[in-house]
């Protein structure tokens, strides 16, 4: 019986570690990670509101806050707590980010080809 309990404990520990790793890969901001792990959509919304307020007050730029906003909206989406408007905002932000990343990669490849 204790062998089964030890095996169960090992599996549970492995599952916890895998969950933590998945959350860490999905989110870079420790506060968003913590709130997502605790399934706290109200606090995530508060964080989103604070982010918007900081932009209005000039404490952060729109550009600077984009990644955090995407992370928060992604967490809300994964918790099933996202509105249609927020979903559209998230999709357009992620598409823009992907296009921007692809442009950077494309420019790098072009510069490498030109240097040969």
PDB file of N, CA and C in Angstrom:
ATOM      1  N   UNK A   1       0.818  -1.204   0.000  1.00  0.00           N
ATOM      2  CA  UNK A   1       0.000   0.000   0.000  1.00  0.00           C
ATOM      3  C   UNK A   1       0.862   1.269   0.000  1.00  0.00           C
ATOM      4  N   UNK A   2       1.978   1.227   0.761  1.00  0.00           N
ATOM      5  CA  UNK A   2       2.832   2.415   0.796  1.00  0.00           C
ATOM      6  C   UNK A   2       3.550   2.617  -0.537  1.00  0.00           C
ATOM      7  N   UNK A   3       3.779   1.530  -1.274  1.00  0.00           N
ATOM      8  CA  UNK A   3       4.379   1.623  -2.606  1.00  0.00           C
ATOM      9  C   UNK A   3       3.450   2.341  -3.569  1.00  0.00           C
ATOM     10  N   UNK A   4       2.160   2.058  -3.456  1.00  0.00           N
ATOM     11  CA  UNK A   4       1.159   2.717  -4.306  1.00  0.00           C
ATOM     12  C   UNK A   4       1.081   4.198  -3.943  1.00  0.00           C
ATOM     13  N   UNK A   5       1.096   4.508  -2.646  1.00  0.00           N
ATOM     14  CA  UNK A   5       1.049   5.905  -2.207  1.00  0.00           C
ATOM     15  C   UNK A   5       2.270   6.677  -2.696  1.00  0.00           C
ATOM     16  N   UNK A   6       3.439   6.060  -2.627  1.00  0.00           N
ATOM     17  CA  UNK A   6       4.670   6.719  -3.085  1.00  0.00           C
ATOM     18  C   UNK A   6       4.605   6.964  -4.594  1.00  0.00           C
ATOM     19  N   UNK A   7       4.074   5.965  -5.317  1.00  0.00           N
ATOM     20  CA  UNK A   7       3.933   6.107  -6.767  1.00  0.00           C
ATOM     21  C   UNK A   7       2.952   7.239  -7.092  1.00  0.00           C
ATOM     22  N   UNK A   8       1.856   7.300  -6.337  1.00  0.00           N
ATOM     23  CA  UNK A   8       0.853   8.351  -6.513  1.00  0.00           C
ATOM     24  C   UNK A   8       1.466   9.720  -6.217  1.00  0.00           C
ATOM     25  N   UNK A   9       2.252   9.787  -5.137  1.00  0.00           N
ATOM     26  CA  UNK A   9       2.926  11.037  -4.763  1.00  0.00           C
ATOM     27  C   UNK A   9       3.877  11.495  -5.870  1.00  0.00           C
ATOM     28  N   UNK A  10       4.628  10.564  -6.450  1.00  0.00           N
ATOM     29  CA  UNK A  10       5.557  10.880  -7.543  1.00  0.00           C
ATOM     30  C   UNK A  10       4.810  11.421  -8.756  1.00  0.00           C
ATOM     31  N   UNK A  11       3.693  10.779  -9.088  1.00  0.00           N
ATOM     32  CA  UNK A  11       2.896  11.236 -10.228  1.00  0.00           C
ATOM     33  C   UNK A  11       2.320  12.620  -9.971  1.00  0.00           C
ATOM     34  N   UNK A  12       1.846  12.841  -8.755  1.00  0.00           N
ATOM     35  CA  UNK A  12       1.276  14.133  -8.386  1.00  0.00           C
ATOM     36  C   UNK A  12       2.337  15.226  -8.442  1.00  0.00           C
ATOM     37  N   UNK A  13       3.522  14.935  -7.948  1.00  0.00           N
ATOM     38  CA  UNK A  13       4.633  15.892  -8.001  1.00  0.00           C
ATOM     39  C   UNK A  13       5.009  16.197  -9.448  1.00  0.00           C
ATOM     40  N   UNK A  14       5.077  15.171 -10.271  1.00  0.00           N
ATOM     41  CA  UNK A  14       5.397  15.371 -11.691  1.00  0.00           C
ATOM     42  C   UNK A  14       4.343  16.237 -12.367  1.00  0.00           C
ATOM     43  N   UNK A  15       3.086  15.992 -12.055  1.00  0.00           N
ATOM     44  CA  UNK A  15       1.987  16.774 -12.633  1.00  0.00           C
ATOM     45  C   UNK A  15       2.085  18.231 -12.198  1.00  0.00           C
ATOM     46  N   UNK A  16       2.382  18.466 -10.933  1.00  0.00           N
ATOM     47  CA  UNK A  16       2.526  19.849 -10.431  1.00  0.00           C
ATOM     48  C   UNK A  16       3.679  20.562 -11.136  1.00  0.00           C
ATOM     49  N   UNK A  17       4.808  19.875 -11.295  1.00  0.00           N
ATOM     50  CA  UNK A  17       5.965  20.472 -11.960  1.00  0.00           C
ATOM     51  C   UNK A  17       5.667  20.769 -13.429  1.00  0.00           C
ATOM     52  N   UNK A  18       4.967  19.855 -14.090  1.00  0.00           N
ATOM     53  CA  UNK A  18       4.610  20.067 -15.498  1.00  0.00           C
ATOM     54  C   UNK A  18       3.652  21.255 -15.634  1.00  0.00           C
ATOM     55  N   UNK A  19       2.712  21.373 -14.700  1.00  0.00           N
ATOM     56  CA  UNK A  19       1.767  22.494 -14.713  1.00  0.00           C
ATOM     57  C   UNK A  19       2.499  23.808 -14.503  1.00  0.00           C
ATOM     58  N   UNK A  20       3.409  23.844 -13.541  1.00  0.00           N
ATOM     59  CA  UNK A  20       4.188  25.056 -13.283  1.00  0.00           C
ATOM     60  C   UNK A  20       5.019  25.444 -14.499  1.00  0.00           C
ATOM     61  N   UNK A  21       5.611  24.466 -15.157  1.00  0.00           N
ATOM     62  CA  UNK A  21       6.430  24.737 -16.344  1.00  0.00           C
ATOM     63  C   UNK A  21       5.563  25.293 -17.475  1.00  0.00           C
ATOM     64  N   UNK A  22       4.377  24.715 -17.648  1.00  0.00           N
ATOM     65  CA  UNK A  22       3.476  25.188 -18.709  1.00  0.00           C
ATOM     66  C   UNK A  22       3.039  26.624 -18.443  1.00  0.00           C
ATOM     67  N   UNK A  23       2.718  26.938 -17.199  1.00  0.00           N
ATOM     68  CA  UNK A  23       2.315  28.299 -16.841  1.00  0.00           C
ATOM     69  C   UNK A  23       3.480  29.258 -17.043  1.00  0.00           C
ATOM     70  N   UNK A  24       4.668  28.851 -16.644  1.00  0.00           N
ATOM     71  CA  UNK A  24       5.854  29.702 -16.812  1.00  0.00           C
ATOM     72  C   UNK A  24       6.132  29.999 -18.275  1.00  0.00           C
ATOM     73  N   UNK A  25       5.921  29.012 -19.141  1.00  0.00           N
ATOM     74  CA  UNK A  25       6.145  29.218 -20.572  1.00  0.00           C
ATOM     75  C   UNK A  25       5.082  30.113 -21.188  1.00  0.00           C
ATOM     76  N   UNK A  26       3.866  30.038 -20.664  1.00  0.00           N
ATOM     77  CA  UNK A  26       2.761  30.818 -21.225  1.00  0.00           C
ATOM     78  C   UNK A  26       2.820  32.281 -20.797  1.00  0.00           C
ATOM     79  N   UNK A  27       3.288  32.540 -19.585  1.00  0.00           N
ATOM     80  CA  UNK A  27       3.276  33.891 -19.046  1.00  0.00           C
ATOM     81  C   UNK A  27       4.653  34.281 -18.535  1.00  0.00           C
ATOM     82  N   UNK A  28       5.064  35.510 -18.841  1.00  0.00           N
ATOM     83  CA  UNK A  28       6.373  36.002 -18.411  1.00  0.00           C
ATOM     84  C   UNK A  28       6.270  36.851 -17.139  1.00  0.00           C
ATOM     85  N   UNK A  29       5.102  37.447 -16.922  1.00  0.00           N
ATOM     86  CA  UNK A  29       4.907  38.330 -15.772  1.00  0.00           C
ATOM     87  C   UNK A  29       4.534  37.487 -14.551  1.00  0.00           C
ATOM     88  N   UNK A  30       5.343  37.545 -13.475  1.00  0.00           N
ATOM     89  CA  UNK A  30       5.068  36.725 -12.291  1.00  0.00           C
ATOM     90  C   UNK A  30       3.665  36.927 -11.718  1.00  0.00           C
ATOM     91  N   UNK A  31       3.197  38.165 -11.704  1.00  0.00           N
ATOM     92  CA  UNK A  31       1.869  38.426 -11.139  1.00  0.00           C
ATOM     93  C   UNK A  31       0.771  37.766 -11.970  1.00  0.00           C
ATOM     94  N   UNK A  32       0.902  37.817 -13.294  1.00  0.00           N
ATOM     95  CA  UNK A  32      -0.087  37.172 -14.165  1.00  0.00           C
ATOM     96  C   UNK A  32      -0.034  35.660 -13.962  1.00  0.00           C
ATOM     97  N   UNK A  33       1.178  35.099 -13.851  1.00  0.00           N
ATOM     98  CA  UNK A  33       1.336  33.656 -13.592  1.00  0.00           C
ATOM     99  C   UNK A  33       0.607  33.257 -12.319  1.00  0.00           C
ATOM    100  N   UNK A  34       0.844  34.022 -11.276  1.00  0.00           N
ATOM    101  CA  UNK A  34       0.266  33.712  -9.965  1.00  0.00           C
ATOM    102  C   UNK A  34      -1.255  33.781 -10.013  1.00  0.00           C
ATOM    103  N   UNK A  35      -1.797  34.849 -10.604  1.00  0.00           N
ATOM    104  CA  UNK A  35      -3.250  35.019 -10.668  1.00  0.00           C
ATOM    105  C   UNK A  35      -3.899  33.968 -11.559  1.00  0.00           C
ATOM    106  N   UNK A  36      -3.226  33.590 -12.644  1.00  0.00           N
ATOM    107  CA  UNK A  36      -3.756  32.535 -13.512  1.00  0.00           C
ATOM    108  C   UNK A  36      -3.775  31.204 -12.760  1.00  0.00           C
ATOM    109  N   UNK A  37      -2.676  30.887 -12.095  1.00  0.00           N
ATOM    110  CA  UNK A  37      -2.579  29.622 -11.362  1.00  0.00           C
ATOM    111  C   UNK A  37      -3.649  29.526 -10.273  1.00  0.00           C
ATOM    112  N   UNK A  38      -3.961  30.655  -9.647  1.00  0.00           N
ATOM    113  CA  UNK A  38      -4.981  30.680  -8.590  1.00  0.00           C
ATOM    114  C   UNK A  38      -6.390  30.845  -9.163  1.00  0.00           C
ATOM    115  N   UNK A  39      -6.483  30.970 -10.490  1.00  0.00           N
ATOM    116  CA  UNK A  39      -7.751  31.177 -11.191  1.00  0.00           C
ATOM    117  C   UNK A  39      -8.499  32.378 -10.600  1.00  0.00           C
ATOM    118  N   UNK A  40      -7.859  33.546 -10.718  1.00  0.00           N
ATOM    119  CA  UNK A  40      -8.376  34.794 -10.163  1.00  0.00           C
ATOM    120  C   UNK A  40      -8.718  35.795 -11.271  1.00  0.00           C
ATOM    121  N   UNK A  41      -9.824  35.577 -12.021  1.00  0.00           N
ATOM    122  CA  UNK A  41     -10.142  36.493 -13.118  1.00  0.00           C
ATOM    123  C   UNK A  41     -10.435  37.928 -12.660  1.00  0.00           C
ATOM    124  N   UNK A  42     -11.011  38.095 -11.479  1.00  0.00           N
ATOM    125  CA  UNK A  42     -11.318  39.450 -10.985  1.00  0.00           C
ATOM    126  C   UNK A  42     -10.025  40.235 -10.773  1.00  0.00           C
ATOM    127  N   UNK A  43      -9.017  39.595 -10.176  1.00  0.00           N
ATOM    128  CA  UNK A  43      -7.741  40.265  -9.952  1.00  0.00           C
ATOM    129  C   UNK A  43      -7.015  40.523 -11.279  1.00  0.00           C
ATOM    130  N   UNK A  44      -7.158  39.606 -12.246  1.00  0.00           N
ATOM    131  CA  UNK A  44      -6.564  39.835 -13.563  1.00  0.00           C
ATOM    132  C   UNK A  44      -7.212  41.051 -14.220  1.00  0.00           C
ATOM    133  N   UNK A  45      -8.518  41.188 -14.068  1.00  0.00           N
ATOM    134  CA  UNK A  45      -9.225  42.361 -14.624  1.00  0.00           C
ATOM    135  C   UNK A  45      -8.746  43.644 -13.932  1.00  0.00           C
ATOM    136  N   UNK A  46      -8.518  43.565 -12.632  1.00  0.00           N
ATOM    137  CA  UNK A  46      -8.009  44.720 -11.887  1.00  0.00           C
ATOM    138  C   UNK A  46      -6.637  45.112 -12.428  1.00  0.00           C
ATOM    139  N   UNK A  47      -5.811  44.128 -12.689  1.00  0.00           N
ATOM    140  CA  UNK A  47      -4.478  44.362 -13.246  1.00  0.00           C
ATOM    141  C   UNK A  47      -4.579  45.019 -14.622  1.00  0.00           C
ATOM    142  N   UNK A  48      -5.533  44.567 -15.425  1.00  0.00           N
ATOM    143  CA  UNK A  48      -5.770  45.139 -16.752  1.00  0.00           C
ATOM    144  C   UNK A  48      -6.198  46.601 -16.637  1.00  0.00           C
ATOM    145  N   UNK A  49      -7.074  46.892 -15.698  1.00  0.00           N
ATOM    146  CA  UNK A  49      -7.537  48.266 -15.458  1.00  0.00           C
ATOM    147  C   UNK A  49      -6.382  49.153 -15.001  1.00  0.00           C
ATOM    148  N   UNK A  50      -5.535  48.626 -14.110  1.00  0.00           N
ATOM    149  CA  UNK A  50      -4.376  49.382 -13.629  1.00  0.00           C
ATOM    150  C   UNK A  50      -3.412  49.680 -14.771  1.00  0.00           C
ATOM    151  N   UNK A  51      -3.255  48.727 -15.662  1.00  0.00           N
ATOM    152  CA  UNK A  51      -2.376  48.889 -16.811  1.00  0.00           C
ATOM    153  C   UNK A  51      -2.877  50.033 -17.701  1.00  0.00           C
ATOM    154  N   UNK A  52      -4.179  50.022 -17.988  1.00  0.00           N
ATOM    155  CA  UNK A  52      -4.775  51.091 -18.798  1.00  0.00           C
ATOM    156  C   UNK A  52      -4.646  52.444 -18.095  1.00  0.00           C
ATOM    157  N   UNK A  53      -4.851  52.452 -16.784  1.00  0.00           N
ATOM    158  CA  UNK A  53      -4.734  53.692 -16.010  1.00  0.00           C
ATOM    159  C   UNK A  53      -3.310  54.237 -16.059  1.00  0.00           C
ATOM    160  N   UNK A  54      -2.327  53.350 -15.933  1.00  0.00           N
ATOM    161  CA  UNK A  54      -0.921  53.769 -15.984  1.00  0.00           C
ATOM    162  C   UNK A  54      -0.574  54.404 -17.325  1.00  0.00           C
ATOM    163  N   UNK A  55      -1.180  53.882 -18.404  1.00  0.00           N
ATOM    164  CA  UNK A  55      -0.948  54.457 -19.733  1.00  0.00           C
ATOM    165  C   UNK A  55      -1.554  55.864 -19.788  1.00  0.00           C
ATOM    166  N   UNK A  56      -2.780  56.003 -19.290  1.00  0.00           N
ATOM    167  CA  UNK A  56      -3.456  57.313 -19.300  1.00  0.00           C
ATOM    168  C   UNK A  56      -2.676  58.328 -18.462  1.00  0.00           C
ATOM    169  N   UNK A  57      -2.130  57.889 -17.330  1.00  0.00           N
ATOM    170  CA  UNK A  57      -1.378  58.782 -16.452  1.00  0.00           C
ATOM    171  C   UNK A  57       0.050  59.043 -16.933  1.00  0.00           C
ATOM    172  N   UNK A  58       0.448  58.355 -18.002  1.00  0.00           N
ATOM    173  CA  UNK A  58       1.785  58.562 -18.544  1.00  0.00           C
ATOM    174  C   UNK A  58       2.875  57.793 -17.819  1.00  0.00           C
ATOM    175  N   UNK A  59       2.490  56.870 -16.926  1.00  0.00           N
ATOM    176  CA  UNK A  59       3.484  56.062 -16.208  1.00  0.00           C
ATOM    177  C   UNK A  59       4.082  54.988 -17.115  1.00  0.00           C
ATOM    178  N   UNK A  60       3.309  54.583 -18.149  1.00  0.00           N
ATOM    179  CA  UNK A  60       3.766  53.588 -19.114  1.00  0.00           C
ATOM    180  C   UNK A  60       3.296  54.023 -20.495  1.00  0.00           C
ATOM    181  N   UNK A  61       4.039  53.597 -21.506  1.00  0.00           N
ATOM    182  CA  UNK A  61       3.618  53.904 -22.866  1.00  0.00           C
ATOM    183  C   UNK A  61       2.690  52.782 -23.358  1.00  0.00           C
ATOM    184  N   UNK A  62       1.929  53.078 -24.396  1.00  0.00           N
ATOM    185  CA  UNK A  62       1.053  52.064 -24.985  1.00  0.00           C
ATOM    186  C   UNK A  62       1.908  50.890 -25.458  1.00  0.00           C
ATOM    187  N   UNK A  63       3.018  51.205 -26.116  1.00  0.00           N
ATOM    188  CA  UNK A  63       3.929  50.172 -26.629  1.00  0.00           C
ATOM    189  C   UNK A  63       4.445  49.293 -25.495  1.00  0.00           C
ATOM    190  N   UNK A  64       4.834  49.945 -24.392  1.00  0.00           N
ATOM    191  CA  UNK A  64       5.403  49.249 -23.240  1.00  0.00           C
ATOM    192  C   UNK A  64       4.391  48.307 -22.581  1.00  0.00           C
ATOM    193  N   UNK A  65       3.119  48.671 -22.644  1.00  0.00           N
ATOM    194  CA  UNK A  65       2.100  47.888 -21.945  1.00  0.00           C
ATOM    195  C   UNK A  65       1.477  46.785 -22.796  1.00  0.00           C
ATOM    196  N   UNK A  66       1.793  46.770 -24.095  1.00  0.00           N
ATOM    197  CA  UNK A  66       1.157  45.797 -25.004  1.00  0.00           C
ATOM    198  C   UNK A  66       1.356  44.349 -24.579  1.00  0.00           C
ATOM    199  N   UNK A  67       2.600  43.964 -24.316  1.00  0.00           N
ATOM    200  CA  UNK A  67       2.877  42.565 -23.980  1.00  0.00           C
ATOM    201  C   UNK A  67       2.155  42.144 -22.706  1.00  0.00           C
ATOM    202  N   UNK A  68       2.153  43.017 -21.697  1.00  0.00           N
ATOM    203  CA  UNK A  68       1.459  42.695 -20.456  1.00  0.00           C
ATOM    204  C   UNK A  68      -0.041  42.534 -20.701  1.00  0.00           C
ATOM    205  N   UNK A  69      -0.581  43.413 -21.532  1.00  0.00           N
ATOM    206  CA  UNK A  69      -2.010  43.351 -21.844  1.00  0.00           C
ATOM    207  C   UNK A  69      -2.348  42.044 -22.567  1.00  0.00           C
ATOM    208  N   UNK A  70      -1.486  41.641 -23.505  1.00  0.00           N
ATOM    209  CA  UNK A  70      -1.695  40.383 -24.219  1.00  0.00           C
ATOM    210  C   UNK A  70      -1.663  39.209 -23.240  1.00  0.00           C
ATOM    211  N   UNK A  71      -0.717  39.225 -22.306  1.00  0.00           N
ATOM    212  CA  UNK A  71      -0.620  38.152 -21.315  1.00  0.00           C
ATOM    213  C   UNK A  71      -1.873  38.073 -20.454  1.00  0.00           C
ATOM    214  N   UNK A  72      -2.351  39.225 -19.995  1.00  0.00           N
ATOM    215  CA  UNK A  72      -3.539  39.249 -19.132  1.00  0.00           C
ATOM    216  C   UNK A  72      -4.758  38.755 -19.908  1.00  0.00           C
ATOM    217  N   UNK A  73      -4.933  39.251 -21.129  1.00  0.00           N
ATOM    218  CA  UNK A  73      -6.072  38.815 -21.945  1.00  0.00           C
ATOM    219  C   UNK A  73      -5.971  37.323 -22.268  1.00  0.00           C
ATOM    220  N   UNK A  74      -4.760  36.826 -22.499  1.00  0.00           N
ATOM    221  CA  UNK A  74      -4.572  35.391 -22.748  1.00  0.00           C
ATOM    222  C   UNK A  74      -4.965  34.570 -21.524  1.00  0.00           C
ATOM    223  N   UNK A  75      -4.571  35.048 -20.352  1.00  0.00           N
ATOM    224  CA  UNK A  75      -4.928  34.351 -19.112  1.00  0.00           C
ATOM    225  C   UNK A  75      -6.441  34.341 -18.925  1.00  0.00           C
ATOM    226  N   UNK A  76      -7.081  35.483 -19.165  1.00  0.00           N
ATOM    227  CA  UNK A  76      -8.541  35.548 -19.041  1.00  0.00           C
ATOM    228  C   UNK A  76      -9.210  34.607 -20.035  1.00  0.00           C
ATOM    229  N   UNK A  77      -8.663  34.541 -21.241  1.00  0.00           N
ATOM    230  CA  UNK A  77      -9.222  33.644 -22.264  1.00  0.00           C
ATOM    231  C   UNK A  77      -9.114  32.190 -21.808  1.00  0.00           C
ATOM    232  N   UNK A  78      -7.949  31.823 -21.291  1.00  0.00           N
ATOM    233  CA  UNK A  78      -7.746  30.443 -20.840  1.00  0.00           C
ATOM    234  C   UNK A  78      -8.637  30.095 -19.653  1.00  0.00           C
ATOM    235  N   UNK A  79      -9.041  31.121 -18.905  1.00  0.00           N
ATOM    236  CA  UNK A  79      -9.964  30.903 -17.777  1.00  0.00           C
ATOM    237  C   UNK A  79     -11.422  30.991 -18.232  1.00  0.00           C
ATOM    238  N   UNK A  80     -11.637  31.250 -19.533  1.00  0.00           N
ATOM    239  CA  UNK A  80     -13.001  31.360 -20.054  1.00  0.00           C
ATOM    240  C   UNK A  80     -13.708  32.627 -19.604  1.00  0.00           C
ATOM    241  N   UNK A  81     -12.938  33.688 -19.344  1.00  0.00           N
ATOM    242  CA  UNK A  81     -13.483  34.936 -18.797  1.00  0.00           C
ATOM    243  C   UNK A  81     -13.210  36.122 -19.707  1.00  0.00           C
ATOM    244  N   UNK A  82     -13.317  35.945 -21.015  1.00  0.00           N
ATOM    245  CA  UNK A  82     -12.982  37.011 -21.944  1.00  0.00           C
ATOM    246  C   UNK A  82     -14.224  37.399 -22.752  1.00  0.00           C
ATOM    247  N   UNK A  83     -14.405  38.699 -22.960  1.00  0.00           N
ATOM    248  CA  UNK A  83     -15.544  39.180 -23.750  1.00  0.00           C
ATOM    249  C   UNK A  83     -15.211  39.087 -25.240  1.00  0.00           C
ATOM    250  N   UNK A  84     -16.228  39.206 -26.082  1.00  0.00           N
ATOM    251  CA  UNK A  84     -16.007  39.170 -27.537  1.00  0.00           C
ATOM    252  C   UNK A  84     -15.079  40.299 -27.971  1.00  0.00           C
ATOM    253  N   UNK A  85     -15.283  41.490 -27.403  1.00  0.00           N
ATOM    254  CA  UNK A  85     -14.443  42.650 -27.744  1.00  0.00           C
ATOM    255  C   UNK A  85     -12.983  42.397 -27.362  1.00  0.00           C
ATOM    256  N   UNK A  86     -12.769  41.837 -26.168  1.00  0.00           N
ATOM    257  CA  UNK A  86     -11.412  41.532 -25.721  1.00  0.00           C
ATOM    258  C   UNK A  86     -10.777  40.439 -26.585  1.00  0.00           C
ATOM    259  N   UNK A  87     -11.589  39.478 -27.003  1.00  0.00           N
ATOM    260  CA  UNK A  87     -11.108  38.403 -27.868  1.00  0.00           C
ATOM    261  C   UNK A  87     -10.600  38.972 -29.184  1.00  0.00           C
ATOM    262  N   UNK A  88     -11.348  39.901 -29.759  1.00  0.00           N
ATOM    263  CA  UNK A  88     -10.934  40.542 -31.010  1.00  0.00           C
ATOM    264  C   UNK A  88      -9.651  41.342 -30.812  1.00  0.00           C
ATOM    265  N   UNK A  89      -9.567  42.059 -29.690  1.00  0.00           N
ATOM    266  CA  UNK A  89      -8.367  42.833 -29.375  1.00  0.00           C
ATOM    267  C   UNK A  89      -7.160  41.904 -29.249  1.00  0.00           C
ATOM    268  N   UNK A  90      -7.346  40.794 -28.558  1.00  0.00           N
ATOM    269  CA  UNK A  90      -6.268  39.829 -28.370  1.00  0.00           C
ATOM    270  C   UNK A  90      -5.823  39.250 -29.718  1.00  0.00           C
ATOM    271  N   UNK A  91      -6.772  38.848 -30.545  1.00  0.00           N
ATOM    272  CA  UNK A  91      -6.439  38.274 -31.856  1.00  0.00           C
ATOM    273  C   UNK A  91      -5.677  39.277 -32.717  1.00  0.00           C
ATOM    274  N   UNK A  92      -6.131  40.528 -32.746  1.00  0.00           N
ATOM    275  CA  UNK A  92      -5.449  41.521 -33.582  1.00  0.00           C
ATOM    276  C   UNK A  92      -4.059  41.834 -33.034  1.00  0.00           C
ATOM    277  N   UNK A  93      -3.908  41.862 -31.716  1.00  0.00           N
ATOM    278  CA  UNK A  93      -2.598  42.120 -31.105  1.00  0.00           C
ATOM    279  C   UNK A  93      -1.618  41.006 -31.416  1.00  0.00           C
ATOM    280  N   UNK A  94      -2.085  39.770 -31.322  1.00  0.00           N
ATOM    281  CA  UNK A  94      -1.216  38.622 -31.580  1.00  0.00           C
ATOM    282  C   UNK A  94      -0.833  38.584 -33.058  1.00  0.00           C
ATOM    283  N   UNK A  95      -1.781  38.893 -33.956  1.00  0.00           N
ATOM    284  CA  UNK A  95      -1.472  38.923 -35.397  1.00  0.00           C
ATOM    285  C   UNK A  95      -0.431  39.992 -35.687  1.00  0.00           C
ATOM    286  N   UNK A  96      -0.588  41.175 -35.092  1.00  0.00           N
ATOM    287  CA  UNK A  96       0.384  42.251 -35.303  1.00  0.00           C
ATOM    288  C   UNK A  96       1.753  41.846 -34.793  1.00  0.00           C
ATOM    289  N   UNK A  97       1.779  41.197 -33.643  1.00  0.00           N
ATOM    290  CA  UNK A  97       3.042  40.757 -33.054  1.00  0.00           C
ATOM    291  C   UNK A  97       3.719  39.725 -33.965  1.00  0.00           C
ATOM    292  N   UNK A  98       2.929  38.809 -34.512  1.00  0.00           N
ATOM    293  CA  UNK A  98       3.460  37.781 -35.403  1.00  0.00           C
ATOM    294  C   UNK A  98       4.014  38.410 -36.674  1.00  0.00           C
ATOM    295  N   UNK A  99       3.261  39.347 -37.255  1.00  0.00           N
ATOM    296  CA  UNK A  99       3.716  40.035 -38.466  1.00  0.00           C
ATOM    297  C   UNK A  99       5.016  40.762 -38.175  1.00  0.00           C
ATOM    298  N   UNK A 100       5.081  41.446 -37.040  1.00  0.00           N
ATOM    299  CA  UNK A 100       6.284  42.187 -36.656  1.00  0.00           C
ATOM    300  C   UNK A 100       7.470  41.236 -36.499  1.00  0.00           C
ATOM    301  N   UNK A 101       7.258  40.108 -35.840  1.00  0.00           N
ATOM    302  CA  UNK A 101       8.334  39.123 -35.657  1.00  0.00           C
ATOM    303  C   UNK A 101       8.782  38.568 -36.992  1.00  0.00           C
ATOM    304  N   UNK A 102       7.820  38.284 -37.880  1.00  0.00           N
ATOM    305  CA  UNK A 102       8.169  37.750 -39.200  1.00  0.00           C
ATOM    306  C   UNK A 102       8.954  38.767 -40.011  1.00  0.00           C
ATOM    307  N   UNK A 103       8.606  40.053 -39.881  1.00  0.00           N
ATOM    308  CA  UNK A 103       9.339  41.096 -40.600  1.00  0.00           C
ATOM    309  C   UNK A 103      10.789  41.152 -40.122  1.00  0.00           C
ATOM    310  N   UNK A 104      10.992  41.054 -38.818  1.00  0.00           N
ATOM    311  CA  UNK A 104      12.336  41.091 -38.258  1.00  0.00           C
ATOM    312  C   UNK A 104      13.141  39.900 -38.764  1.00  0.00           C
ATOM    313  N   UNK A 105      12.535  38.716 -38.735  1.00  0.00           N
ATOM    314  CA  UNK A 105      13.212  37.514 -39.217  1.00  0.00           C
ATOM    315  C   UNK A 105      13.520  37.659 -40.706  1.00  0.00           C
ATOM    316  N   UNK A 106      12.543  38.152 -41.471  1.00  0.00           N
ATOM    317  CA  UNK A 106      12.737  38.354 -42.905  1.00  0.00           C
ATOM    318  C   UNK A 106      13.869  39.314 -43.197  1.00  0.00           C
ATOM    319  N   UNK A 107      13.924  40.413 -42.455  1.00  0.00           N
ATOM    320  CA  UNK A 107      14.999  41.391 -42.640  1.00  0.00           C
ATOM    321  C   UNK A 107      16.352  40.770 -42.311  1.00  0.00           C
ATOM    322  N   UNK A 108      16.399  39.958 -41.279  1.00  0.00           N
ATOM    323  CA  UNK A 108      17.648  39.309 -40.870  1.00  0.00           C
ATOM    324  C   UNK A 108      18.119  38.345 -41.964  1.00  0.00           C
ATOM    325  N   UNK A 109      17.179  37.550 -42.488  1.00  0.00           N
ATOM    326  CA  UNK A 109      17.521  36.604 -43.557  1.00  0.00           C
ATOM    327  C   UNK A 109      18.028  37.348 -44.779  1.00  0.00           C
ATOM    328  N   UNK A 110      17.355  38.444 -45.133  1.00  0.00           N
ATOM    329  CA  UNK A 110      17.790  39.245 -46.284  1.00  0.00           C
ATOM    330  C   UNK A 110      19.193  39.790 -46.082  1.00  0.00           C
ATOM    331  N   UNK A 111      19.469  40.293 -44.877  1.00  0.00           N
ATOM    332  CA  UNK A 111      20.803  40.845 -44.622  1.00  0.00           C
ATOM    333  C   UNK A 111      21.867  39.758 -44.686  1.00  0.00           C
ATOM    334  N   UNK A 112      21.531  38.553 -44.227  1.00  0.00           N
ATOM    335  CA  UNK A 112      22.484  37.439 -44.304  1.00  0.00           C
ATOM    336  C   UNK A 112      22.757  37.061 -45.754  1.00  0.00           C
ATOM    337  N   UNK A 113      21.694  37.056 -46.583  1.00  0.00           N
ATOM    338  CA  UNK A 113      21.863  36.707 -47.987  1.00  0.00           C
ATOM    339  C   UNK A 113      22.674  37.770 -48.723  1.00  0.00           C
ATOM    340  N   UNK A 114      22.454  39.032 -48.364  1.00  0.00           N
ATOM    341  CA  UNK A 114      23.172  40.110 -49.031  1.00  0.00           C
ATOM    342  C   UNK A 114      24.648  40.123 -48.665  1.00  0.00           C
ATOM    343  N   UNK A 115      24.977  39.646 -47.478  1.00  0.00           N
ATOM    344  CA  UNK A 115      26.366  39.647 -47.017  1.00  0.00           C
ATOM    345  C   UNK A 115      27.174  38.501 -47.616  1.00  0.00           C
ATOM    346  N   UNK A 116      26.533  37.577 -48.289  1.00  0.00           N
ATOM    347  CA  UNK A 116      27.266  36.436 -48.876  1.00  0.00           C
ATOM    348  C   UNK A 116      27.857  36.784 -50.200  1.00  0.00           C
TER     349      UNK A 116
END
